[in-house]
Amino acid sequence: DFRHLVAEAGKHGLEIALDIAFQCAPDHPYVK
């Protein structure tokens, strides 16, 4: 679904910008 959205956005002249937040919730797999 995400890849489809990226493609559809491109057809509308839009690029998808994604948030990069390098931090974790307490139950993130990285914590274990």
ModelCIF file with pLDDT and N, C-alpha, C, O atoms, coordinates in Angstrom:
data_MODEL
#
_entry.id   MODEL 
#
_entity.id                         1 
_entity.type                       polymer 
_entity.pdbx_number_of_molecules   1 
#
_entity_poly.entity_id                      1 
_entity_poly.type                           'polypeptide(L)' 
_entity_poly.nstd_linkage                   no 
_entity_poly.nstd_monomer                   no 
_entity_poly.pdbx_seq_one_letter_code       DFRHLVAEAGKHGLEIALDIAFQCAPDHPYVK 
_entity_poly.pdbx_seq_one_letter_code_can   DFRHLVAEAGKHGLEIALDIAFQCAPDHPYVK 
_entity_poly.pdbx_strand_id                 A 
#
loop_
_entity_poly_seq.entity_id 
_entity_poly_seq.num 
_entity_poly_seq.mon_id 
_entity_poly_seq.hetero 
1 1  ASP n 
1 2  PHE n 
1 3  ARG n 
1 4  HIS n 
1 5  LEU n 
1 6  VAL n 
1 7  ALA n 
1 8  GLU n 
1 9  ALA n 
1 10 GLY n 
1 11 LYS n 
1 12 HIS n 
1 13 GLY n 
1 14 LEU n 
1 15 GLU n 
1 16 ILE n 
1 17 ALA n 
1 18 LEU n 
1 19 ASP n 
1 20 ILE n 
1 21 ALA n 
1 22 PHE n 
1 23 GLN n 
1 24 CYS n 
1 25 ALA n 
1 26 PRO n 
1 27 ASP n 
1 28 HIS n 
1 29 PRO n 
1 30 TYR n 
1 31 VAL n 
1 32 LYS n 
#
_struct_asym.id          A 
_struct_asym.entity_id   1 
#
loop_
_ma_qa_metric.id 
_ma_qa_metric.mode 
_ma_qa_metric.name 
_ma_qa_metric.software_group_id 
_ma_qa_metric.type 
1 global pLDDT . pLDDT 
2 local  pLDDT . pLDDT 
#
_ma_qa_metric_global.metric_id      1 
_ma_qa_metric_global.metric_value   97.88 
_ma_qa_metric_global.model_id       1 
_ma_qa_metric_global.ordinal_id     1 
#
loop_
_ma_qa_metric_local.label_asym_id 
_ma_qa_metric_local.label_comp_id 
_ma_qa_metric_local.label_seq_id 
_ma_qa_metric_local.metric_id 
_ma_qa_metric_local.metric_value 
_ma_qa_metric_local.model_id 
_ma_qa_metric_local.ordinal_id 
A ASP 1  2 98.00 1 1  
A PHE 2  2 98.00 1 2  
A ARG 3  2 98.00 1 3  
A HIS 4  2 98.00 1 4  
A LEU 5  2 98.00 1 5  
A VAL 6  2 98.00 1 6  
A ALA 7  2 98.00 1 7  
A GLU 8  2 98.00 1 8  
A ALA 9  2 98.00 1 9  
A GLY 10 2 98.00 1 10 
A LYS 11 2 98.00 1 11 
A HIS 12 2 98.00 1 12 
A GLY 13 2 98.00 1 13 
A LEU 14 2 98.00 1 14 
A GLU 15 2 98.00 1 15 
A ILE 16 2 98.00 1 16 
A ALA 17 2 98.00 1 17 
A LEU 18 2 98.00 1 18 
A ASP 19 2 98.00 1 19 
A ILE 20 2 98.00 1 20 
A ALA 21 2 98.00 1 21 
A PHE 22 2 98.00 1 22 
A GLN 23 2 98.00 1 23 
A CYS 24 2 98.00 1 24 
A ALA 25 2 98.00 1 25 
A PRO 26 2 97.00 1 26 
A ASP 27 2 97.00 1 27 
A HIS 28 2 98.00 1 28 
A PRO 29 2 98.00 1 29 
A TYR 30 2 98.00 1 30 
A VAL 31 2 97.00 1 31 
A LYS 32 2 97.00 1 32 
#
loop_
_atom_site.group_PDB 
_atom_site.id 
_atom_site.type_symbol 
_atom_site.label_atom_id 
_atom_site.label_alt_id 
_atom_site.label_comp_id 
_atom_site.label_asym_id 
_atom_site.label_entity_id 
_atom_site.label_seq_id 
_atom_site.pdbx_PDB_ins_code 
_atom_site.Cartn_x 
_atom_site.Cartn_y 
_atom_site.Cartn_z 
_atom_site.occupancy 
_atom_site.B_iso_or_equiv 
_atom_site.pdbx_formal_charge 
_atom_site.auth_seq_id 
_atom_site.auth_comp_id 
_atom_site.auth_asym_id 
_atom_site.auth_atom_id 
_atom_site.pdbx_PDB_model_num 
ATOM 1   N N  . ASP A 1 1  ? 0.839  -1.212 0.000   1.00 98.00 ? 1  ASP A N  1 
ATOM 2   C CA . ASP A 1 1  ? 0.000  0.000  0.000   1.00 98.00 ? 1  ASP A CA 1 
ATOM 3   C C  . ASP A 1 1  ? 0.866  1.251  0.000   1.00 98.00 ? 1  ASP A C  1 
ATOM 4   O O  . ASP A 1 1  ? 0.553  2.231  -0.675  1.00 98.00 ? 1  ASP A O  1 
ATOM 5   N N  . PHE A 1 2  ? 1.957  1.213  0.761   1.00 98.00 ? 2  PHE A N  1 
ATOM 6   C CA . PHE A 1 2  ? 2.845  2.381  0.816   1.00 98.00 ? 2  PHE A CA 1 
ATOM 7   C C  . PHE A 1 2  ? 3.497  2.628  -0.535  1.00 98.00 ? 2  PHE A C  1 
ATOM 8   O O  . PHE A 1 2  ? 3.550  3.764  -1.007  1.00 98.00 ? 2  PHE A O  1 
ATOM 9   N N  . ARG A 1 3  ? 3.995  1.561  -1.157  1.00 98.00 ? 3  ARG A N  1 
ATOM 10  C CA . ARG A 1 3  ? 4.625  1.736  -2.473  1.00 98.00 ? 3  ARG A CA 1 
ATOM 11  C C  . ARG A 1 3  ? 3.613  2.257  -3.492  1.00 98.00 ? 3  ARG A C  1 
ATOM 12  O O  . ARG A 1 3  ? 3.958  3.064  -4.355  1.00 98.00 ? 3  ARG A O  1 
ATOM 13  N N  . HIS A 1 4  ? 2.386  1.804  -3.393  1.00 98.00 ? 4  HIS A N  1 
ATOM 14  C CA . HIS A 1 4  ? 1.336  2.290  -4.301  1.00 98.00 ? 4  HIS A CA 1 
ATOM 15  C C  . HIS A 1 4  ? 1.090  3.778  -4.075  1.00 98.00 ? 4  HIS A C  1 
ATOM 16  O O  . HIS A 1 4  ? 0.903  4.536  -5.026  1.00 98.00 ? 4  HIS A O  1 
ATOM 17  N N  . LEU A 1 5  ? 1.091  4.190  -2.806  1.00 98.00 ? 5  LEU A N  1 
ATOM 18  C CA . LEU A 1 5  ? 0.903  5.608  -2.485  1.00 98.00 ? 5  LEU A CA 1 
ATOM 19  C C  . LEU A 1 5  ? 2.044  6.447  -3.052  1.00 98.00 ? 5  LEU A C  1 
ATOM 20  O O  . LEU A 1 5  ? 1.806  7.512  -3.621  1.00 98.00 ? 5  LEU A O  1 
ATOM 21  N N  . VAL A 1 6  ? 3.269  5.980  -2.902  1.00 98.00 ? 6  VAL A N  1 
ATOM 22  C CA . VAL A 1 6  ? 4.422  6.718  -3.438  1.00 98.00 ? 6  VAL A CA 1 
ATOM 23  C C  . VAL A 1 6  ? 4.262  6.904  -4.942  1.00 98.00 ? 6  VAL A C  1 
ATOM 24  O O  . VAL A 1 6  ? 4.509  7.988  -5.471  1.00 98.00 ? 6  VAL A O  1 
ATOM 25  N N  . ALA A 1 7  ? 3.847  5.839  -5.626  1.00 98.00 ? 7  ALA A N  1 
ATOM 26  C CA . ALA A 1 7  ? 3.671  5.925  -7.080  1.00 98.00 ? 7  ALA A CA 1 
ATOM 27  C C  . ALA A 1 7  ? 2.541  6.878  -7.452  1.00 98.00 ? 7  ALA A C  1 
ATOM 28  O O  . ALA A 1 7  ? 2.683  7.677  -8.377  1.00 98.00 ? 7  ALA A O  1 
ATOM 29  N N  . GLU A 1 8  ? 1.423  6.798  -6.737  1.00 98.00 ? 8  GLU A N  1 
ATOM 30  C CA . GLU A 1 8  ? 0.297  7.677  -7.028  1.00 98.00 ? 8  GLU A CA 1 
ATOM 31  C C  . GLU A 1 8  ? 0.653  9.137  -6.745  1.00 98.00 ? 8  GLU A C  1 
ATOM 32  O O  . GLU A 1 8  ? 0.257  10.033 -7.491  1.00 98.00 ? 8  GLU A O  1 
ATOM 33  N N  . ALA A 1 9  ? 1.396  9.371  -5.671  1.00 98.00 ? 9  ALA A N  1 
ATOM 34  C CA . ALA A 1 9  ? 1.824  10.741 -5.370  1.00 98.00 ? 9  ALA A CA 1 
ATOM 35  C C  . ALA A 1 9  ? 2.660  11.291 -6.521  1.00 98.00 ? 9  ALA A C  1 
ATOM 36  O O  . ALA A 1 9  ? 2.500  12.445 -6.917  1.00 98.00 ? 9  ALA A O  1 
ATOM 37  N N  . GLY A 1 10 ? 3.551  10.460 -7.055  1.00 98.00 ? 10 GLY A N  1 
ATOM 38  C CA . GLY A 1 10 ? 4.369  10.903 -8.179  1.00 98.00 ? 10 GLY A CA 1 
ATOM 39  C C  . GLY A 1 10 ? 3.532  11.322 -9.376  1.00 98.00 ? 10 GLY A C  1 
ATOM 40  O O  . GLY A 1 10 ? 3.887  12.265 -10.083 1.00 98.00 ? 10 GLY A O  1 
ATOM 41  N N  . LYS A 1 11 ? 2.429  10.631 -9.606  1.00 98.00 ? 11 LYS A N  1 
ATOM 42  C CA . LYS A 1 11 ? 1.554  10.989 -10.719 1.00 98.00 ? 11 LYS A CA 1 
ATOM 43  C C  . LYS A 1 11 ? 0.905  12.355 -10.490 1.00 98.00 ? 11 LYS A C  1 
ATOM 44  O O  . LYS A 1 11 ? 0.483  13.010 -11.443 1.00 98.00 ? 11 LYS A O  1 
ATOM 45  N N  . HIS A 1 12 ? 0.825  12.779 -9.239  1.00 98.00 ? 12 HIS A N  1 
ATOM 46  C CA . HIS A 1 12 ? 0.246  14.085 -8.902  1.00 98.00 ? 12 HIS A CA 1 
ATOM 47  C C  . HIS A 1 12 ? 1.327  15.138 -8.662  1.00 98.00 ? 12 HIS A C  1 
ATOM 48  O O  . HIS A 1 12 ? 1.049  16.198 -8.099  1.00 98.00 ? 12 HIS A O  1 
ATOM 49  N N  . GLY A 1 13 ? 2.550  14.851 -9.084  1.00 98.00 ? 13 GLY A N  1 
ATOM 50  C CA . GLY A 1 13 ? 3.630  15.825 -8.939  1.00 98.00 ? 13 GLY A CA 1 
ATOM 51  C C  . GLY A 1 13 ? 4.114  15.988 -7.518  1.00 98.00 ? 13 GLY A C  1 
ATOM 52  O O  . GLY A 1 13 ? 4.665  17.031 -7.165  1.00 98.00 ? 13 GLY A O  1 
ATOM 53  N N  . LEU A 1 14 ? 3.915  14.968 -6.694  1.00 98.00 ? 14 LEU A N  1 
ATOM 54  C CA . LEU A 1 14 ? 4.277  15.042 -5.280  1.00 98.00 ? 14 LEU A CA 1 
ATOM 55  C C  . LEU A 1 14 ? 5.324  13.991 -4.939  1.00 98.00 ? 14 LEU A C  1 
ATOM 56  O O  . LEU A 1 14 ? 5.224  12.840 -5.364  1.00 98.00 ? 14 LEU A O  1 
ATOM 57  N N  . GLU A 1 15 ? 6.322  14.394 -4.174  1.00 98.00 ? 15 GLU A N  1 
ATOM 58  C CA . GLU A 1 15 ? 7.268  13.453 -3.602  1.00 98.00 ? 15 GLU A CA 1 
ATOM 59  C C  . GLU A 1 15 ? 6.894  13.225 -2.148  1.00 98.00 ? 15 GLU A C  1 
ATOM 60  O O  . GLU A 1 15 ? 6.516  14.158 -1.440  1.00 98.00 ? 15 GLU A O  1 
ATOM 61  N N  . ILE A 1 16 ? 7.002  11.986 -1.710  1.00 98.00 ? 16 ILE A N  1 
ATOM 62  C CA . ILE A 1 16 ? 6.749  11.660 -0.311  1.00 98.00 ? 16 ILE A CA 1 
ATOM 63  C C  . ILE A 1 16 ? 8.019  11.889 0.492   1.00 98.00 ? 16 ILE A C  1 
ATOM 64  O O  . ILE A 1 16 ? 9.074  11.345 0.165   1.00 98.00 ? 16 ILE A O  1 
ATOM 65  N N  . ALA A 1 17 ? 7.917  12.695 1.543   1.00 98.00 ? 17 ALA A N  1 
ATOM 66  C CA . ALA A 1 17 ? 9.015  12.881 2.490   1.00 98.00 ? 17 ALA A CA 1 
ATOM 67  C C  . ALA A 1 17 ? 8.653  12.128 3.761   1.00 98.00 ? 17 ALA A C  1 
ATOM 68  O O  . ALA A 1 17 ? 7.549  12.270 4.286   1.00 98.00 ? 17 ALA A O  1 
ATOM 69  N N  . LEU A 1 18 ? 9.582  11.336 4.245   1.00 98.00 ? 18 LEU A N  1 
ATOM 70  C CA . LEU A 1 18 ? 9.329  10.502 5.412   1.00 98.00 ? 18 LEU A CA 1 
ATOM 71  C C  . LEU A 1 18 ? 10.123 11.008 6.603   1.00 98.00 ? 18 LEU A C  1 
ATOM 72  O O  . LEU A 1 18 ? 11.262 11.453 6.464   1.00 98.00 ? 18 LEU A O  1 
ATOM 73  N N  . ASP A 1 19 ? 9.512  10.935 7.765   1.00 98.00 ? 19 ASP A N  1 
ATOM 74  C CA . ASP A 1 19 ? 10.183 11.353 8.994   1.00 98.00 ? 19 ASP A CA 1 
ATOM 75  C C  . ASP A 1 19 ? 11.159 10.281 9.452   1.00 98.00 ? 19 ASP A C  1 
ATOM 76  O O  . ASP A 1 19 ? 10.814 9.102  9.530   1.00 98.00 ? 19 ASP A O  1 
ATOM 77  N N  . ILE A 1 20 ? 12.374 10.701 9.751   1.00 98.00 ? 20 ILE A N  1 
ATOM 78  C CA . ILE A 1 20 ? 13.368 9.824  10.370  1.00 98.00 ? 20 ILE A CA 1 
ATOM 79  C C  . ILE A 1 20 ? 13.554 10.293 11.801  1.00 98.00 ? 20 ILE A C  1 
ATOM 80  O O  . ILE A 1 20 ? 14.103 11.367 12.047  1.00 98.00 ? 20 ILE A O  1 
ATOM 81  N N  . ALA A 1 21 ? 13.093 9.480  12.745  1.00 98.00 ? 21 ALA A N  1 
ATOM 82  C CA . ALA A 1 21 ? 13.218 9.809  14.164  1.00 98.00 ? 21 ALA A CA 1 
ATOM 83  C C  . ALA A 1 21 ? 13.996 8.671  14.823  1.00 98.00 ? 21 ALA A C  1 
ATOM 84  O O  . ALA A 1 21 ? 13.443 7.603  15.083  1.00 98.00 ? 21 ALA A O  1 
ATOM 85  N N  . PHE A 1 22 ? 15.260 8.902  15.088  1.00 98.00 ? 22 PHE A N  1 
ATOM 86  C CA . PHE A 1 22 ? 16.100 7.856  15.656  1.00 98.00 ? 22 PHE A CA 1 
ATOM 87  C C  . PHE A 1 22 ? 15.959 7.842  17.177  1.00 98.00 ? 22 PHE A C  1 
ATOM 88  O O  . PHE A 1 22 ? 16.759 8.417  17.913  1.00 98.00 ? 22 PHE A O  1 
ATOM 89  N N  . GLN A 1 23 ? 14.898 7.153  17.608  1.00 98.00 ? 23 GLN A N  1 
ATOM 90  C CA . GLN A 1 23 ? 14.585 6.964  19.015  1.00 98.00 ? 23 GLN A CA 1 
ATOM 91  C C  . GLN A 1 23 ? 13.613 5.798  19.083  1.00 98.00 ? 23 GLN A C  1 
ATOM 92  O O  . GLN A 1 23 ? 13.066 5.389  18.059  1.00 98.00 ? 23 GLN A O  1 
ATOM 93  N N  . CYS A 1 24 ? 13.392 5.261  20.268  1.00 98.00 ? 24 CYS A N  1 
ATOM 94  C CA . CYS A 1 24 ? 12.605 4.041  20.391  1.00 98.00 ? 24 CYS A CA 1 
ATOM 95  C C  . CYS A 1 24 ? 11.578 4.142  21.495  1.00 98.00 ? 24 CYS A C  1 
ATOM 96  O O  . CYS A 1 24 ? 11.791 4.816  22.503  1.00 98.00 ? 24 CYS A O  1 
ATOM 97  N N  . ALA A 1 25 ? 10.452 3.459  21.293  1.00 98.00 ? 25 ALA A N  1 
ATOM 98  C CA . ALA A 1 25 ? 9.523  3.214  22.386  1.00 98.00 ? 25 ALA A CA 1 
ATOM 99  C C  . ALA A 1 25 ? 10.118 2.127  23.281  1.00 98.00 ? 25 ALA A C  1 
ATOM 100 O O  . ALA A 1 25 ? 10.988 1.378  22.836  1.00 98.00 ? 25 ALA A O  1 
ATOM 101 N N  . PRO A 1 26 ? 9.669  2.027  24.523  1.00 97.00 ? 26 PRO A N  1 
ATOM 102 C CA . PRO A 1 26 ? 10.226 1.007  25.415  1.00 97.00 ? 26 PRO A CA 1 
ATOM 103 C C  . PRO A 1 26 ? 10.102 -0.414 24.889  1.00 97.00 ? 26 PRO A C  1 
ATOM 104 O O  . PRO A 1 26 ? 10.922 -1.266 25.230  1.00 97.00 ? 26 PRO A O  1 
ATOM 105 N N  . ASP A 1 27 ? 9.087  -0.691 24.059  1.00 97.00 ? 27 ASP A N  1 
ATOM 106 C CA . ASP A 1 27 ? 8.903  -2.051 23.550  1.00 97.00 ? 27 ASP A CA 1 
ATOM 107 C C  . ASP A 1 27 ? 9.395  -2.221 22.120  1.00 97.00 ? 27 ASP A C  1 
ATOM 108 O O  . ASP A 1 27 ? 8.995  -3.164 21.437  1.00 97.00 ? 27 ASP A O  1 
ATOM 109 N N  . HIS A 1 28 ? 10.261 -1.318 21.656  1.00 98.00 ? 28 HIS A N  1 
ATOM 110 C CA . HIS A 1 28 ? 10.898 -1.471 20.348  1.00 98.00 ? 28 HIS A CA 1 
ATOM 111 C C  . HIS A 1 28 ? 11.790 -2.713 20.380  1.00 98.00 ? 28 HIS A C  1 
ATOM 112 O O  . HIS A 1 28 ? 12.453 -2.953 21.389  1.00 98.00 ? 28 HIS A O  1 
ATOM 113 N N  . PRO A 1 29 ? 11.827 -3.508 19.308  1.00 98.00 ? 29 PRO A N  1 
ATOM 114 C CA . PRO A 1 29 ? 12.691 -4.698 19.283  1.00 98.00 ? 29 PRO A CA 1 
ATOM 115 C C  . PRO A 1 29 ? 14.149 -4.398 19.592  1.00 98.00 ? 29 PRO A C  1 
ATOM 116 O O  . PRO A 1 29 ? 14.843 -5.249 20.148  1.00 98.00 ? 29 PRO A O  1 
ATOM 117 N N  . TYR A 1 30 ? 14.638 -3.187 19.239  1.00 98.00 ? 30 TYR A N  1 
ATOM 118 C CA . TYR A 1 30 ? 16.044 -2.860 19.507  1.00 98.00 ? 30 TYR A CA 1 
ATOM 119 C C  . TYR A 1 30 ? 16.373 -2.945 21.005  1.00 98.00 ? 30 TYR A C  1 
ATOM 120 O O  . TYR A 1 30 ? 17.493 -3.298 21.373  1.00 98.00 ? 30 TYR A O  1 
ATOM 121 N N  . VAL A 1 31 ? 15.405 -2.623 21.862  1.00 97.00 ? 31 VAL A N  1 
ATOM 122 C CA . VAL A 1 31 ? 15.686 -2.575 23.300  1.00 97.00 ? 31 VAL A CA 1 
ATOM 123 C C  . VAL A 1 31 ? 16.067 -3.956 23.816  1.00 97.00 ? 31 VAL A C  1 
ATOM 124 O O  . VAL A 1 31 ? 16.951 -4.079 24.664  1.00 97.00 ? 31 VAL A O  1 
ATOM 125 N N  . LYS A 1 32 ? 15.415 -4.985 23.316  1.00 97.00 ? 32 LYS A N  1 
ATOM 126 C CA . LYS A 1 32 ? 15.764 -6.349 23.715  1.00 97.00 ? 32 LYS A CA 1 
ATOM 127 C C  . LYS A 1 32 ? 16.963 -6.880 22.945  1.00 97.00 ? 32 LYS A C  1 
ATOM 128 O O  . LYS A 1 32 ? 17.384 -8.016 23.164  1.00 97.00 ? 32 LYS A O  1 
#
